[in-house]
Amino acid sequence: MNNANAAEDRLRSEIEDLKRQLEEQKKLAAHPATKSPSWGTLFVVLLLVGALAVAGYFLGYAPRQHREMVLAAETRTASQSLAVVTVKPVERASAQSTLVLPGNIQAVTEAPVLARASGYIVKRNVDIGDRVKAGQVLVEIDAPELQQQIKQAASGIDQANASVQQSEASLSQAKANMGLAQVTNDRWKKLLAKGAVSRQESDTYQAQYDAQQANVQALEKAVNAARSNVTAMEANFARLQELDSFLAVRAPFAGVITVRNIDNGALVNQGSTLLFRIAQTDRLRTYLNVPQSDASSVRVGQVATLEIPDLPGRRFPATVSRTANALDPSSRTLLVEVQAANPAGELLPGMYAQVDLKVPHKNAAVLIPSDTLVVRSDGPQVAVIAKDGSVHYTRVQLGRDLGDHLEVLSGLEEGQQLAVNPSDDVREGGRVQPVMESPARK
């Protein structure tokens, strides 16, 4: 444009020079003494003036006029055209969604192994990481005091049996004396009835018979007491024998030794010394805290999947084994236990896992792209574009944030078109030209 203006100024300057030359020619023609120019000179001058005028028109005025017309046309077109707006549709969420929750893997059964008898460790048969069977001997304990107690209990049983025999013999003798006293008493009663003896003598034999009866009853109780003593001695002997069997500590169930606290020669105390910790790892469990919004959709027997960050690409099938059937009031979550088989031992207790739950939804919410949401002072809104291009801002009630999409609980219907990142051109009640976003832009 600067070059065109310079050419126009140059042409105007040349035209002014030609006009000045013509004026000078006219002045010379007005004086008779002055010689007038020829017709050929005038024709050449006029031809040059015309050429310069034509050149000035095409090089200056015509391009400028064309530019002004183009700008005016573009201005009219821009004022009459509609703003182009990219739109995305409102979609319905799937009837089944994936709920991913973190959890720690634990053994289904884990128990500490304590010493049931006091003594010294004679032999340790297992160490951490060893797989053991149910009833397998883990460690052997030596307890000399216990052996002496067993012998003492056996001797006590023999003494108690001897006391029983002695009491039974005394009882037999007392019963014989009572029989003799009874016969004597019966004879004296008959003699008293015939008046052959005095009543005092008959009462004396009656008293002797009563005394023998009381003695028999006392000896019977003594025999029962002696027998009870034998039973107590035998029970004590059985208890000591049971303790003796505990000197060989056995595995309560099949599993893996995860902790070992003793070694050969260590002194262990009954019921207080932790020897081992054993875990059953052929089946593991993971506890999850399911949010309140999905708690009603989790059922026992539901299929789940475990993913371990340290084992990329591996997915382990699992099942919901039980639920708490009540929400924790502090966190508003449902405690859920998920169990997974571990026959190869790839999963270890204490691992961190991501659990995928397939949660069904009876009333699936609608989904909107995250870049269509407009947050204003009166709440979250979206710009709904009608079929005729009219714009209407609608308030929505949001649900879960799914990253690139948002759940909308109310305010929208499936299939509506929403403006993506609406600008100032997208105004309430205005009209725009909607363009569906192509898959290549997603």
Protein backbone atom coordinates (compact mmCIF):
# COMPACT_ATOMS: atom_id res chain seq x y z
CA MET A 1 0.00 0.00 0.00
CA ASN A 2 2.94 2.36 0.70
CA ASN A 3 4.32 1.68 -2.83
CA ALA A 4 0.95 2.58 -4.42
CA ASN A 5 0.81 5.88 -2.50
CA ALA A 6 4.36 6.74 -3.56
CA ALA A 7 3.51 6.05 -7.23
CA GLU A 8 0.37 8.17 -6.93
CA ASP A 9 2.34 11.07 -5.45
CA ARG A 10 4.93 10.77 -8.18
CA LEU A 11 2.25 10.88 -10.91
CA ARG A 12 0.63 13.93 -9.34
CA SER A 13 4.03 15.67 -9.24
CA GLU A 14 4.60 14.95 -12.95
CA ILE A 15 1.09 16.18 -13.82
CA GLU A 16 1.78 19.42 -11.97
CA ASP A 17 5.02 19.82 -13.92
CA LEU A 18 3.18 19.30 -17.23
CA LYS A 19 0.50 21.82 -16.24
CA ARG A 20 3.22 24.33 -15.41
CA GLN A 21 4.86 23.77 -18.78
CA LEU A 22 1.50 24.30 -20.55
CA GLU A 23 1.01 27.57 -18.70
CA GLU A 24 4.43 28.70 -19.83
CA GLN A 25 3.58 27.76 -23.43
CA LYS A 26 0.35 29.76 -23.25
CA LYS A 27 2.27 32.81 -21.97
CA LEU A 28 4.73 32.56 -24.84
CA ALA A 29 1.85 32.26 -27.31
CA ALA A 30 0.28 35.46 -25.94
CA HIS A 31 3.33 37.58 -26.99
CA PRO A 32 3.61 38.09 -30.72
CA ALA A 33 7.34 38.37 -30.66
CA THR A 34 7.58 34.99 -29.09
CA LYS A 35 7.59 31.98 -31.41
CA SER A 36 4.60 29.61 -30.81
CA PRO A 37 5.19 25.81 -30.45
CA SER A 38 4.30 23.48 -33.28
CA TRP A 39 1.27 21.23 -33.41
CA GLY A 40 3.45 18.15 -33.11
CA THR A 41 4.91 19.36 -29.84
CA LEU A 42 1.46 20.00 -28.43
CA PHE A 43 0.27 16.55 -29.51
CA VAL A 44 3.18 14.85 -27.80
CA VAL A 45 2.58 16.84 -24.62
CA LEU A 46 -1.11 15.98 -24.63
CA LEU A 47 -0.29 12.34 -25.28
CA LEU A 48 2.08 12.27 -22.31
CA VAL A 49 -0.51 13.94 -20.08
CA GLY A 50 -3.12 11.35 -21.07
CA ALA A 51 -0.73 8.47 -20.53
CA LEU A 52 0.20 9.78 -17.12
CA ALA A 53 -3.48 10.21 -16.20
CA VAL A 54 -4.30 6.66 -17.28
CA ALA A 55 -1.29 5.27 -15.44
CA GLY A 56 -2.26 7.17 -12.32
CA TYR A 57 -5.77 5.74 -12.49
CA PHE A 58 -4.70 2.14 -12.83
CA LEU A 59 -1.73 2.31 -10.45
CA GLY A 60 -3.24 4.45 -7.71
CA TYR A 61 -6.96 5.01 -7.68
CA ALA A 62 -8.16 1.65 -9.05
CA PRO A 63 -6.24 -0.59 -6.54
CA ARG A 64 -7.24 1.63 -3.69
CA GLN A 65 -10.86 1.55 -4.72
CA HIS A 66 -10.69 -2.25 -5.05
CA ARG A 67 -9.23 -2.65 -1.57
CA GLU A 68 -11.94 -0.48 -0.08
CA MET A 69 -14.63 -2.52 -1.80
CA VAL A 70 -13.09 -5.82 -0.56
CA LEU A 71 -12.89 -4.52 3.00
CA ALA A 72 -16.47 -3.34 2.88
CA ALA A 73 -17.64 -6.70 1.55
CA GLU A 74 -15.73 -8.59 4.23
CA THR A 75 -17.18 -6.35 6.89
CA ARG A 76 -20.71 -6.96 5.65
CA THR A 77 -20.07 -10.75 5.48
CA ALA A 78 -18.63 -10.86 9.01
CA SER A 79 -21.56 -8.91 10.38
CA GLN A 80 -24.07 -11.17 8.67
CA SER A 81 -22.39 -14.65 9.38
CA LEU A 82 -22.83 -16.81 12.56
CA ALA A 83 -20.06 -17.83 14.95
CA VAL A 84 -18.84 -21.41 14.42
CA VAL A 85 -18.96 -23.41 17.67
CA THR A 86 -17.68 -26.95 18.28
CA VAL A 87 -20.27 -29.12 20.02
CA LYS A 88 -20.26 -32.52 21.73
CA PRO A 89 -23.29 -34.71 22.53
CA VAL A 90 -24.66 -35.68 25.93
CA GLU A 91 -24.15 -39.45 26.38
CA ARG A 92 -25.75 -42.04 28.63
CA ALA A 93 -23.41 -43.82 31.05
CA SER A 94 -22.99 -47.55 30.75
CA ALA A 95 -25.29 -49.78 32.80
CA GLN A 96 -22.15 -51.31 34.33
CA SER A 97 -19.19 -49.22 35.42
CA THR A 98 -15.75 -50.11 36.73
CA LEU A 99 -14.99 -49.06 40.30
CA VAL A 100 -11.26 -49.10 41.10
CA LEU A 101 -10.35 -49.08 44.80
CA PRO A 102 -7.03 -49.57 46.63
CA GLY A 103 -6.44 -52.29 49.20
CA ASN A 104 -3.80 -54.35 51.02
CA ILE A 105 -3.57 -58.08 50.45
CA GLN A 106 -3.80 -60.23 53.57
CA ALA A 107 -3.75 -63.93 54.31
CA VAL A 108 -7.16 -65.51 54.82
CA THR A 109 -5.83 -67.33 57.91
CA GLU A 110 -2.85 -66.14 59.93
CA ALA A 111 -1.95 -67.18 63.49
CA PRO A 112 0.93 -66.89 65.97
CA VAL A 113 2.48 -70.11 67.28
CA LEU A 114 3.26 -69.91 71.02
CA ALA A 115 4.95 -72.33 73.41
CA ARG A 116 2.49 -74.40 75.48
CA ALA A 117 5.28 -75.73 77.71
CA SER A 118 8.28 -74.06 79.30
CA GLY A 119 11.74 -75.33 78.46
CA TYR A 120 14.70 -75.05 76.10
CA ILE A 121 14.64 -75.36 72.33
CA VAL A 122 16.33 -78.62 71.38
CA LYS A 123 15.70 -78.62 67.64
CA ARG A 124 14.22 -76.09 65.21
CA ASN A 125 12.94 -77.72 62.02
CA VAL A 126 11.69 -74.73 59.95
CA ASP A 127 12.61 -71.17 59.10
CA ILE A 128 10.92 -68.16 57.48
CA GLY A 129 9.57 -68.85 54.01
CA ASP A 130 9.22 -72.60 54.58
CA ARG A 131 5.92 -74.18 53.55
CA VAL A 132 4.58 -76.54 56.20
CA LYS A 133 1.73 -79.02 56.40
CA ALA A 134 -0.91 -79.22 59.09
CA GLY A 135 0.49 -81.13 62.12
CA GLN A 136 4.10 -80.88 60.99
CA VAL A 137 6.60 -80.58 63.87
CA LEU A 138 8.08 -77.09 63.85
CA VAL A 139 10.29 -77.20 66.94
CA GLU A 140 11.14 -79.59 69.80
CA ILE A 141 11.39 -78.42 73.44
CA ASP A 142 13.22 -80.09 76.31
CA ALA A 143 11.52 -79.75 79.73
CA PRO A 144 13.16 -81.97 82.47
CA GLU A 145 10.94 -80.53 85.18
CA LEU A 146 7.87 -81.66 83.27
CA GLN A 147 9.19 -85.22 83.08
CA GLN A 148 9.67 -85.26 86.84
CA GLN A 149 6.17 -83.93 87.35
CA ILE A 150 4.81 -86.74 85.18
CA LYS A 151 6.64 -89.35 87.27
CA GLN A 152 5.41 -87.72 90.45
CA ALA A 153 1.84 -87.75 89.14
CA ALA A 154 2.14 -91.43 88.25
CA SER A 155 3.36 -92.20 91.78
CA GLY A 156 0.50 -90.17 93.21
CA ILE A 157 -1.96 -92.29 91.25
CA ASP A 158 -0.44 -95.47 92.70
CA GLN A 159 -0.68 -94.06 96.23
CA ALA A 160 -4.27 -93.02 95.67
CA ASN A 161 -5.15 -96.48 94.37
CA ALA A 162 -3.54 -98.01 97.48
CA SER A 163 -5.59 -95.70 99.67
CA VAL A 164 -8.73 -96.80 97.84
CA GLN A 165 -7.87 -100.45 98.44
CA GLN A 166 -7.16 -99.78 102.10
CA SER A 167 -10.44 -97.92 102.50
CA GLU A 168 -12.32 -100.70 100.75
CA ALA A 169 -10.73 -103.28 103.13
CA SER A 170 -11.73 -101.21 106.14
CA LEU A 171 -15.21 -100.94 104.73
CA SER A 172 -15.45 -104.73 104.30
CA GLN A 173 -14.33 -105.26 107.90
CA ALA A 174 -16.83 -102.68 109.13
CA LYS A 175 -19.62 -104.37 107.22
CA ALA A 176 -18.69 -107.73 108.82
CA ASN A 177 -18.72 -106.17 112.31
CA MET A 178 -22.07 -104.54 111.53
CA GLY A 179 -23.45 -107.95 110.51
CA LEU A 180 -22.27 -109.55 113.75
CA ALA A 181 -23.72 -106.66 115.79
CA GLN A 182 -27.03 -107.02 113.97
CA VAL A 183 -27.24 -110.79 114.72
CA THR A 184 -26.37 -110.21 118.39
CA ASN A 185 -28.94 -107.41 118.65
CA ASP A 186 -31.68 -109.61 117.14
CA ARG A 187 -30.95 -112.42 119.63
CA TRP A 188 -31.10 -110.11 122.65
CA LYS A 189 -34.38 -108.62 121.42
CA LYS A 190 -35.92 -112.12 121.34
CA LEU A 191 -34.57 -112.89 124.81
CA LEU A 192 -35.98 -109.54 126.05
CA ALA A 193 -39.37 -110.44 124.63
CA LYS A 194 -39.32 -113.72 126.66
CA GLY A 195 -38.14 -111.81 129.79
CA ALA A 196 -34.88 -113.78 129.90
CA VAL A 197 -32.65 -110.62 129.89
CA SER A 198 -32.94 -107.12 131.10
CA ARG A 199 -33.77 -104.18 128.80
CA GLN A 200 -30.48 -102.45 129.61
CA GLU A 201 -28.48 -105.32 128.20
CA SER A 202 -30.65 -105.39 125.06
CA ASP A 203 -30.22 -101.60 124.59
CA THR A 204 -26.46 -102.01 124.85
CA TYR A 205 -26.36 -104.41 121.89
CA GLN A 206 -28.75 -102.13 119.96
CA ALA A 207 -26.33 -99.21 120.48
CA GLN A 208 -23.40 -101.34 119.32
CA TYR A 209 -25.31 -102.22 116.13
CA ASP A 210 -26.11 -98.56 115.44
CA ALA A 211 -22.45 -97.63 115.96
CA GLN A 212 -21.38 -100.28 113.42
CA GLN A 213 -23.89 -98.89 110.87
CA ALA A 214 -22.47 -95.38 111.29
CA ASN A 215 -18.96 -96.73 110.91
CA VAL A 216 -19.89 -98.47 107.64
CA GLN A 217 -21.39 -95.26 106.25
CA ALA A 218 -18.25 -93.31 107.18
CA LEU A 219 -16.00 -95.88 105.52
CA GLU A 220 -18.16 -95.85 102.37
CA LYS A 221 -17.63 -92.08 102.12
CA ALA A 222 -13.92 -92.57 102.72
CA VAL A 223 -13.82 -95.05 99.84
CA ASN A 224 -15.63 -92.58 97.58
CA ALA A 225 -13.21 -89.83 98.58
CA ALA A 226 -10.25 -92.09 97.84
CA ARG A 227 -11.66 -92.95 94.45
CA SER A 228 -12.22 -89.24 93.71
CA ASN A 229 -8.62 -88.62 94.69
CA VAL A 230 -7.56 -91.25 92.19
CA THR A 231 -9.62 -89.54 89.49
CA ALA A 232 -7.97 -86.20 90.30
CA MET A 233 -4.53 -87.78 90.20
CA GLU A 234 -5.30 -89.38 86.86
CA ALA A 235 -6.56 -86.04 85.47
CA ASN A 236 -3.37 -84.32 86.60
CA PHE A 237 -1.35 -87.09 85.04
CA ALA A 238 -3.28 -86.68 81.75
CA ARG A 239 -2.70 -82.91 81.84
CA LEU A 240 1.02 -83.41 82.28
CA GLN A 241 1.07 -85.95 79.48
CA GLU A 242 -0.76 -83.42 77.28
CA LEU A 243 1.87 -80.82 78.15
CA ASP A 244 4.50 -83.38 77.28
CA SER A 245 2.97 -83.71 73.83
CA PHE A 246 3.29 -79.92 73.46
CA LEU A 247 7.05 -80.26 73.67
CA ALA A 248 6.79 -81.02 69.97
CA VAL A 249 5.25 -77.82 68.58
CA ARG A 250 3.17 -78.57 65.47
CA ALA A 251 1.72 -76.41 62.69
CA PRO A 252 -1.99 -75.65 63.29
CA PHE A 253 -2.69 -75.57 59.53
CA ALA A 254 -0.89 -75.72 56.20
CA GLY A 255 0.81 -72.46 55.28
CA VAL A 256 4.03 -70.47 55.13
CA ILE A 257 6.25 -69.45 58.04
CA THR A 258 6.37 -65.64 57.94
CA VAL A 259 8.04 -64.90 61.31
CA ARG A 260 10.62 -66.80 63.41
CA ASN A 261 11.62 -65.50 66.86
CA ILE A 262 13.61 -68.39 68.38
CA ASP A 263 16.65 -70.52 67.73
CA ASN A 264 18.21 -73.64 69.21
CA GLY A 265 18.99 -73.32 72.92
CA ALA A 266 16.54 -70.47 73.55
CA LEU A 267 14.46 -70.55 76.73
CA VAL A 268 10.72 -70.31 76.09
CA ASN A 269 7.93 -69.71 78.58
CA GLN A 270 4.55 -71.32 78.48
CA GLY A 271 1.91 -69.16 76.74
CA SER A 272 4.07 -66.03 76.40
CA THR A 273 6.91 -66.74 73.98
CA LEU A 274 6.11 -66.25 70.28
CA LEU A 275 7.85 -68.99 68.34
CA PHE A 276 6.55 -68.51 64.79
CA ARG A 277 3.85 -66.81 62.79
CA ILE A 278 2.22 -68.88 60.08
CA ALA A 279 0.00 -67.67 57.22
CA GLN A 280 -2.20 -69.59 54.83
CA THR A 281 -1.36 -68.12 51.40
CA ASP A 282 -3.15 -70.45 48.97
CA ARG A 283 -6.06 -68.02 49.23
CA LEU A 284 -5.73 -64.31 50.04
CA ARG A 285 -8.16 -61.55 50.90
CA THR A 286 -8.26 -57.79 50.40
CA TYR A 287 -10.40 -55.31 52.33
CA LEU A 288 -11.96 -52.38 50.43
CA ASN A 289 -13.83 -49.25 51.50
CA VAL A 290 -16.64 -48.79 48.97
CA PRO A 291 -18.19 -45.27 48.82
CA GLN A 292 -21.78 -44.82 49.85
CA SER A 293 -22.86 -44.06 46.26
CA ASP A 294 -21.85 -47.58 45.16
CA ALA A 295 -22.43 -49.50 48.40
CA SER A 296 -25.88 -50.73 47.39
CA SER A 297 -24.50 -52.21 44.14
CA VAL A 298 -21.91 -54.52 45.76
CA ARG A 299 -23.11 -58.07 46.39
CA VAL A 300 -21.52 -61.26 47.74
CA GLY A 301 -20.30 -63.39 44.84
CA GLN A 302 -19.65 -60.39 42.61
CA VAL A 303 -16.69 -60.74 40.24
CA ALA A 304 -13.62 -58.56 40.80
CA THR A 305 -10.06 -58.29 39.47
CA LEU A 306 -6.79 -57.62 41.27
CA GLU A 307 -4.02 -55.59 39.63
CA ILE A 308 -0.57 -55.29 41.22
CA PRO A 309 1.55 -52.27 40.20
CA ASP A 310 4.70 -54.40 40.51
CA LEU A 311 3.24 -57.00 38.10
CA PRO A 312 2.21 -54.93 35.06
CA GLY A 313 -0.13 -56.61 32.64
CA ARG A 314 -1.19 -59.28 35.14
CA ARG A 315 -4.81 -59.51 36.29
CA PHE A 316 -5.88 -61.92 39.04
CA PRO A 317 -9.53 -62.97 39.26
CA ALA A 318 -11.24 -62.48 42.62
CA THR A 319 -14.70 -62.63 44.19
CA VAL A 320 -16.53 -60.57 46.80
CA SER A 321 -16.72 -62.98 49.74
CA ARG A 322 -18.55 -60.83 52.33
CA THR A 323 -19.59 -57.29 53.20
CA ALA A 324 -20.14 -55.50 56.51
CA ASN A 325 -23.78 -54.70 55.55
CA ALA A 326 -23.34 -51.36 57.34
CA LEU A 327 -21.57 -48.10 56.57
CA ASP A 328 -18.78 -46.69 58.68
CA PRO A 329 -20.31 -43.45 60.08
CA SER A 330 -16.95 -41.67 60.07
CA SER A 331 -16.10 -42.30 56.40
CA ARG A 332 -19.51 -43.27 54.95
CA THR A 333 -17.98 -46.32 53.31
CA LEU A 334 -18.87 -50.02 53.21
CA LEU A 335 -16.21 -52.53 54.27
CA VAL A 336 -15.97 -55.27 51.62
CA GLU A 337 -13.78 -58.37 51.61
CA VAL A 338 -12.53 -59.70 48.27
CA GLN A 339 -10.83 -63.11 48.09
CA ALA A 340 -8.54 -64.41 45.34
CA ALA A 341 -7.02 -67.83 44.79
CA ASN A 342 -3.21 -67.94 44.89
CA PRO A 343 -2.18 -71.47 43.91
CA ALA A 344 1.16 -70.40 42.38
CA GLY A 345 2.08 -68.12 45.29
CA GLU A 346 2.56 -65.06 43.04
CA LEU A 347 0.63 -62.85 45.43
CA LEU A 348 2.16 -62.11 48.82
CA PRO A 349 0.48 -60.90 52.01
CA GLY A 350 1.07 -57.20 52.51
CA MET A 351 1.09 -56.31 48.80
CA TYR A 352 -0.67 -53.15 47.61
CA ALA A 353 -3.35 -53.87 45.00
CA GLN A 354 -5.89 -52.08 42.86
CA VAL A 355 -9.24 -53.88 42.86
CA ASP A 356 -11.58 -53.48 39.88
CA LEU A 357 -15.23 -54.02 40.71
CA LYS A 358 -17.88 -54.23 38.01
CA VAL A 359 -20.68 -52.20 39.59
CA PRO A 360 -24.13 -52.35 37.95
CA HIS A 361 -26.29 -49.22 37.83
CA LYS A 362 -30.09 -49.43 37.69
CA ASN A 363 -30.49 -45.79 36.61
CA ALA A 364 -27.38 -44.83 34.65
CA ALA A 365 -26.57 -41.13 34.79
CA VAL A 366 -25.81 -39.02 31.71
CA LEU A 367 -22.24 -37.99 30.93
CA ILE A 368 -20.91 -34.70 29.59
CA PRO A 369 -17.38 -33.85 28.43
CA SER A 370 -15.40 -31.98 31.05
CA ASP A 371 -14.57 -29.15 28.62
CA THR A 372 -18.26 -28.25 28.22
CA LEU A 373 -18.79 -27.26 31.87
CA VAL A 374 -19.06 -23.57 32.73
CA VAL A 375 -18.76 -22.64 36.42
CA ARG A 376 -20.46 -19.38 37.34
CA SER A 377 -21.51 -17.67 40.53
CA ASP A 378 -24.99 -19.22 40.35
CA GLY A 379 -23.66 -22.75 39.92
CA PRO A 380 -22.34 -25.11 37.23
CA GLN A 381 -23.88 -24.68 33.79
CA VAL A 382 -23.56 -25.88 30.20
CA ALA A 383 -24.39 -24.15 26.91
CA VAL A 384 -27.05 -26.23 25.14
CA ILE A 385 -27.15 -25.67 21.36
CA ALA A 386 -30.57 -26.29 19.81
CA LYS A 387 -31.12 -27.60 16.28
CA ASP A 388 -31.72 -24.05 14.95
CA GLY A 389 -28.43 -22.91 16.52
CA SER A 390 -29.95 -21.00 19.42
CA VAL A 391 -28.02 -20.98 22.70
CA HIS A 392 -29.50 -21.69 26.12
CA TYR A 393 -27.46 -21.99 29.33
CA THR A 394 -28.77 -24.76 31.64
CA ARG A 395 -27.86 -25.40 35.26
CA VAL A 396 -26.87 -28.98 36.05
CA GLN A 397 -26.42 -31.12 39.15
CA LEU A 398 -23.08 -32.89 39.00
CA GLY A 399 -22.24 -36.39 40.20
CA ARG A 400 -18.87 -38.11 40.05
CA ASP A 401 -15.81 -36.70 38.30
CA LEU A 402 -14.58 -39.35 35.85
CA GLY A 403 -11.68 -37.34 34.47
CA ASP A 404 -12.52 -36.47 30.87
CA HIS A 405 -16.26 -36.82 31.61
CA LEU A 406 -18.60 -35.73 34.38
CA GLU A 407 -21.75 -37.38 35.66
CA VAL A 408 -24.87 -35.21 35.53
CA LEU A 409 -27.68 -36.21 37.88
CA SER A 410 -30.29 -33.75 36.57
CA GLY A 411 -30.71 -30.93 34.08
CA LEU A 412 -29.84 -32.65 30.78
CA GLU A 413 -31.11 -35.36 28.48
CA GLU A 414 -29.25 -37.81 26.30
CA GLY A 415 -28.50 -36.54 22.79
CA GLN A 416 -28.42 -32.80 23.52
CA GLN A 417 -25.56 -30.83 21.96
CA LEU A 418 -23.22 -28.85 24.23
CA ALA A 419 -20.78 -26.11 23.27
CA VAL A 420 -17.12 -26.93 23.89
CA ASN A 421 -15.28 -24.22 25.84
CA PRO A 422 -17.93 -21.57 25.01
CA SER A 423 -16.46 -18.14 24.28
CA ASP A 424 -18.01 -14.68 24.59
CA ASP A 425 -19.70 -15.18 21.20
CA VAL A 426 -21.86 -17.93 22.75
CA ARG A 427 -24.41 -15.78 24.56
CA GLU A 428 -27.76 -16.65 26.11
CA GLY A 429 -30.46 -16.43 23.43
CA GLY A 430 -27.95 -15.91 20.61
CA ARG A 431 -27.42 -18.09 17.57
CA VAL A 432 -24.31 -19.95 16.46
CA GLN A 433 -23.30 -22.43 13.80
CA PRO A 434 -22.70 -25.80 15.57
CA VAL A 435 -20.02 -28.12 14.24
CA MET A 436 -19.67 -31.66 15.63
CA GLU A 437 -16.18 -32.39 16.87
CA SER A 438 -14.49 -34.97 14.68
CA PRO A 439 -12.96 -38.10 16.25
CA ALA A 440 -9.54 -36.98 15.06
CA ARG A 441 -9.66 -33.99 17.44
CA LYS A 442 -10.48 -36.07 20.48
